[in-house]
Protein backbone atom coordinates (compact mmCIF):
# COMPACT_ATOMS: atom_id res chain seq x y z
CA MET A 1 -0.01 0.01 -0.01
CA ALA A 2 1.38 3.49 -1.02
CA THR A 3 2.04 6.07 1.74
CA GLY A 4 3.82 8.85 -0.04
CA PRO A 5 3.06 12.70 0.25
CA GLY A 6 0.55 12.41 -2.63
CA VAL A 7 -1.44 9.79 -0.74
CA ARG A 8 -1.43 11.92 2.40
CA LYS A 9 -2.54 15.02 0.47
CA ALA A 10 -5.47 13.06 -1.10
CA ALA A 11 -6.54 11.77 2.23
CA ALA A 12 -6.48 15.32 3.55
CA VAL A 13 -8.64 16.50 0.74
CA VAL A 14 -11.14 13.73 1.34
CA LEU A 15 -11.17 14.44 5.13
CA THR A 16 -11.78 18.11 4.46
CA ALA A 17 -14.58 17.42 2.04
CA GLY A 18 -16.19 15.00 4.59
CA LEU A 19 -16.04 17.62 7.46
CA SER A 20 -17.54 20.40 5.04
CA ALA A 21 -20.50 18.00 4.25
CA ALA A 22 -20.99 17.33 7.97
CA LEU A 23 -21.04 21.02 8.78
CA ALA A 24 -23.43 21.68 5.82
CA ALA A 25 -25.79 19.03 7.28
CA CYS A 26 -25.72 20.69 10.66
CA GLY A 27 -26.45 24.16 9.11
CA SER A 28 -29.40 22.98 7.11
CA GLN A 29 -31.21 21.68 10.12
CA ASP A 30 -31.33 25.13 11.74
CA SER A 31 -34.77 25.82 13.09
CA GLY A 32 -34.74 29.48 12.60
CA GLY A 33 -33.83 32.22 15.08
CA ASP A 34 -30.19 32.81 15.69
CA SER A 35 -28.33 30.91 12.92
CA GLY A 36 -25.06 30.81 14.91
CA GLY A 37 -23.12 32.26 12.00
CA HIS A 38 -24.39 29.84 9.35
CA ALA A 39 -26.63 32.38 7.46
CA GLY A 40 -24.33 32.77 4.40
CA HIS A 41 -23.49 29.13 4.26
CA LYS A 42 -24.00 26.86 1.18
CA GLY A 43 -26.35 24.60 3.11
CA ALA A 44 -28.92 27.35 3.67
CA PRO A 45 -32.07 27.62 1.52
CA LYS A 46 -32.10 30.42 -1.07
CA LEU A 47 -35.80 30.94 -2.00
CA SER A 48 -37.52 32.96 -4.70
CA VAL A 49 -41.09 32.95 -5.88
CA SER A 50 -42.38 33.05 -9.46
CA GLY A 51 -45.63 32.45 -11.49
CA ALA A 52 -47.91 33.47 -8.60
CA TYR A 53 -51.58 34.12 -9.24
CA VAL A 54 -55.08 33.85 -7.78
CA SER A 55 -57.87 32.50 -9.96
CA GLN A 56 -60.95 34.77 -9.99
CA PRO A 57 -63.22 32.89 -7.62
CA PRO A 58 -66.63 31.67 -8.94
CA MET A 59 -67.90 32.16 -5.35
CA ASP A 60 -67.73 35.12 -3.01
CA ASP A 61 -66.14 33.39 -0.07
CA MET A 62 -63.30 31.13 -1.45
CA ALA A 63 -60.43 31.34 -3.91
CA ALA A 64 -57.39 29.39 -4.99
CA GLY A 65 -53.82 30.57 -5.22
CA TYR A 66 -50.93 29.06 -7.18
CA LEU A 67 -47.11 29.87 -7.37
CA ALA A 68 -43.70 28.22 -7.56
CA VAL A 69 -41.05 28.53 -4.91
CA ARG A 70 -37.52 27.84 -6.23
CA ASN A 71 -34.78 26.88 -3.78
CA ALA A 72 -31.29 27.55 -5.23
CA GLY A 73 -29.70 26.66 -1.87
CA GLY A 74 -28.25 23.52 -0.65
CA GLY A 75 -30.70 23.30 2.44
CA ALA A 76 -34.34 22.30 2.34
CA ASP A 77 -37.06 24.43 3.81
CA GLU A 78 -40.87 24.18 4.26
CA LEU A 79 -43.69 26.61 3.36
CA THR A 80 -45.57 26.67 6.64
CA SER A 81 -48.28 29.39 6.11
CA VAL A 82 -49.41 32.16 3.82
CA THR A 83 -51.19 35.33 4.91
CA THR A 84 -53.15 37.85 2.85
CA PRO A 85 -55.51 40.80 3.65
CA LEU A 86 -57.85 39.19 1.07
CA ALA A 87 -58.82 36.19 3.27
CA SER A 88 -59.02 35.56 7.00
CA GLU A 89 -57.63 31.98 6.41
CA VAL A 90 -55.20 30.49 3.91
CA THR A 91 -54.65 26.69 4.00
CA LEU A 92 -52.17 24.51 2.32
CA HIS A 93 -53.49 21.59 0.30
CA THR A 94 -51.95 18.61 -1.46
CA THR A 95 -53.69 16.66 -4.23
CA LYS A 96 -53.11 13.01 -4.79
CA GLY A 97 -55.34 11.71 -7.61
CA ASN A 98 -58.63 13.20 -7.07
CA ARG A 99 -58.16 13.62 -3.27
CA MET A 100 -57.48 17.01 -1.77
CA LYS A 101 -55.94 17.02 1.76
CA GLN A 102 -55.07 20.02 4.06
CA VAL A 103 -51.54 19.82 5.30
CA SER A 104 -49.58 21.98 7.87
CA SER A 105 -46.51 22.55 5.54
CA LEU A 106 -45.27 21.75 2.00
CA ASP A 107 -41.62 20.87 1.40
CA VAL A 108 -39.29 23.15 -0.63
CA PRO A 109 -36.47 20.70 -1.53
CA ALA A 110 -32.78 21.82 -1.61
CA ASP A 111 -31.82 22.72 -5.20
CA GLY A 112 -35.46 22.19 -6.22
CA ARG A 113 -39.03 23.63 -6.52
CA LEU A 114 -42.33 23.65 -4.78
CA GLU A 115 -44.94 23.88 -7.44
CA LEU A 116 -48.52 24.94 -6.50
CA THR A 117 -50.69 24.33 -9.61
CA SER A 118 -54.29 24.07 -10.68
CA GLY A 119 -55.20 20.39 -10.17
CA GLY A 120 -52.21 19.80 -7.83
CA ASP A 121 -50.88 21.18 -4.57
CA HIS A 122 -52.44 24.70 -3.92
CA LEU A 123 -53.53 27.48 -1.57
CA MET A 124 -57.17 27.69 -0.48
CA LEU A 125 -58.23 31.23 0.62
CA THR A 126 -61.41 31.25 2.71
CA ASN A 127 -63.60 33.92 4.25
CA LEU A 128 -62.65 36.50 1.57
CA THR A 129 -63.01 40.22 2.49
CA HIS A 130 -64.36 40.73 -1.15
CA ARG A 131 -64.53 38.82 -4.43
CA PRO A 132 -61.42 39.88 -6.34
CA LYS A 133 -61.61 40.93 -9.97
CA VAL A 134 -59.35 40.04 -12.91
CA GLY A 135 -56.48 42.61 -13.01
CA GLU A 136 -56.52 43.20 -9.25
CA ARG A 137 -53.30 42.54 -7.29
CA VAL A 138 -53.40 40.83 -3.99
CA SER A 139 -50.53 40.94 -1.36
CA PHE A 140 -49.34 37.58 0.01
CA THR A 141 -46.77 36.91 2.74
CA LEU A 142 -45.21 33.43 2.58
CA HIS A 143 -43.86 31.97 5.80
CA PHE A 144 -41.14 29.32 5.96
CA ALA A 145 -39.80 26.99 8.53
CA THR A 146 -36.25 28.39 8.31
CA SER A 147 -36.13 31.24 5.83
CA ASP A 148 -37.35 34.90 6.20
CA PRO A 149 -40.91 35.55 4.99
CA ILE A 150 -41.35 36.61 1.39
CA GLU A 151 -43.81 39.20 0.44
CA ILE A 152 -45.23 39.26 -3.08
CA LYS A 153 -48.10 40.86 -5.15
CA VAL A 154 -50.23 38.40 -6.85
CA PRO A 155 -52.39 39.19 -9.99
CA VAL A 156 -55.90 37.93 -10.11
CA GLU A 157 -56.37 35.90 -13.42
CA PRO A 158 -59.53 34.58 -15.18
CA THR A 159 -60.88 31.35 -13.74
CA THR A 160 -59.82 29.53 -17.02
CA TYR A 161 -56.24 30.96 -16.89
CA ARG A 162 -53.38 28.39 -17.23
CA PRO A 163 -49.79 29.60 -17.17
CA LYS A 164 -47.57 28.66 -20.13
CA ASP A 165 -44.67 26.31 -19.27
């Protein structure tokens, strides 16, 4: 078995990479609050929101919301709630087949996306303050398990609207 300086250097690189991975795993499990200096770290989520809209509701008291949360970071996160002045309650729903189920959070995978789409996972807005009209913009605040809240303005689209891929 070889034991020269090249082998020791390769072993040091492997050890350093292993320690870096272990530290990244510790940082990605941060539950919020004081990050202990890990905030700028590669294991942290880096979230952005796109494609958000609310379908003009057919009823006066309920609407649905859709959006995509992209996570360009190495750490996973969870969408835990959404608030809006348009509704007294916003709930998160998953859809499997034809079954819709309310959930307490939705996963935002590391280096991945959470997609809320018509016919799939989505937001339900209930007890609306008014029936929003096409062209109106609604404020949403998205709350996450570890990341800071994200505030967005969401357009109201026709009930038949389907975003282009």
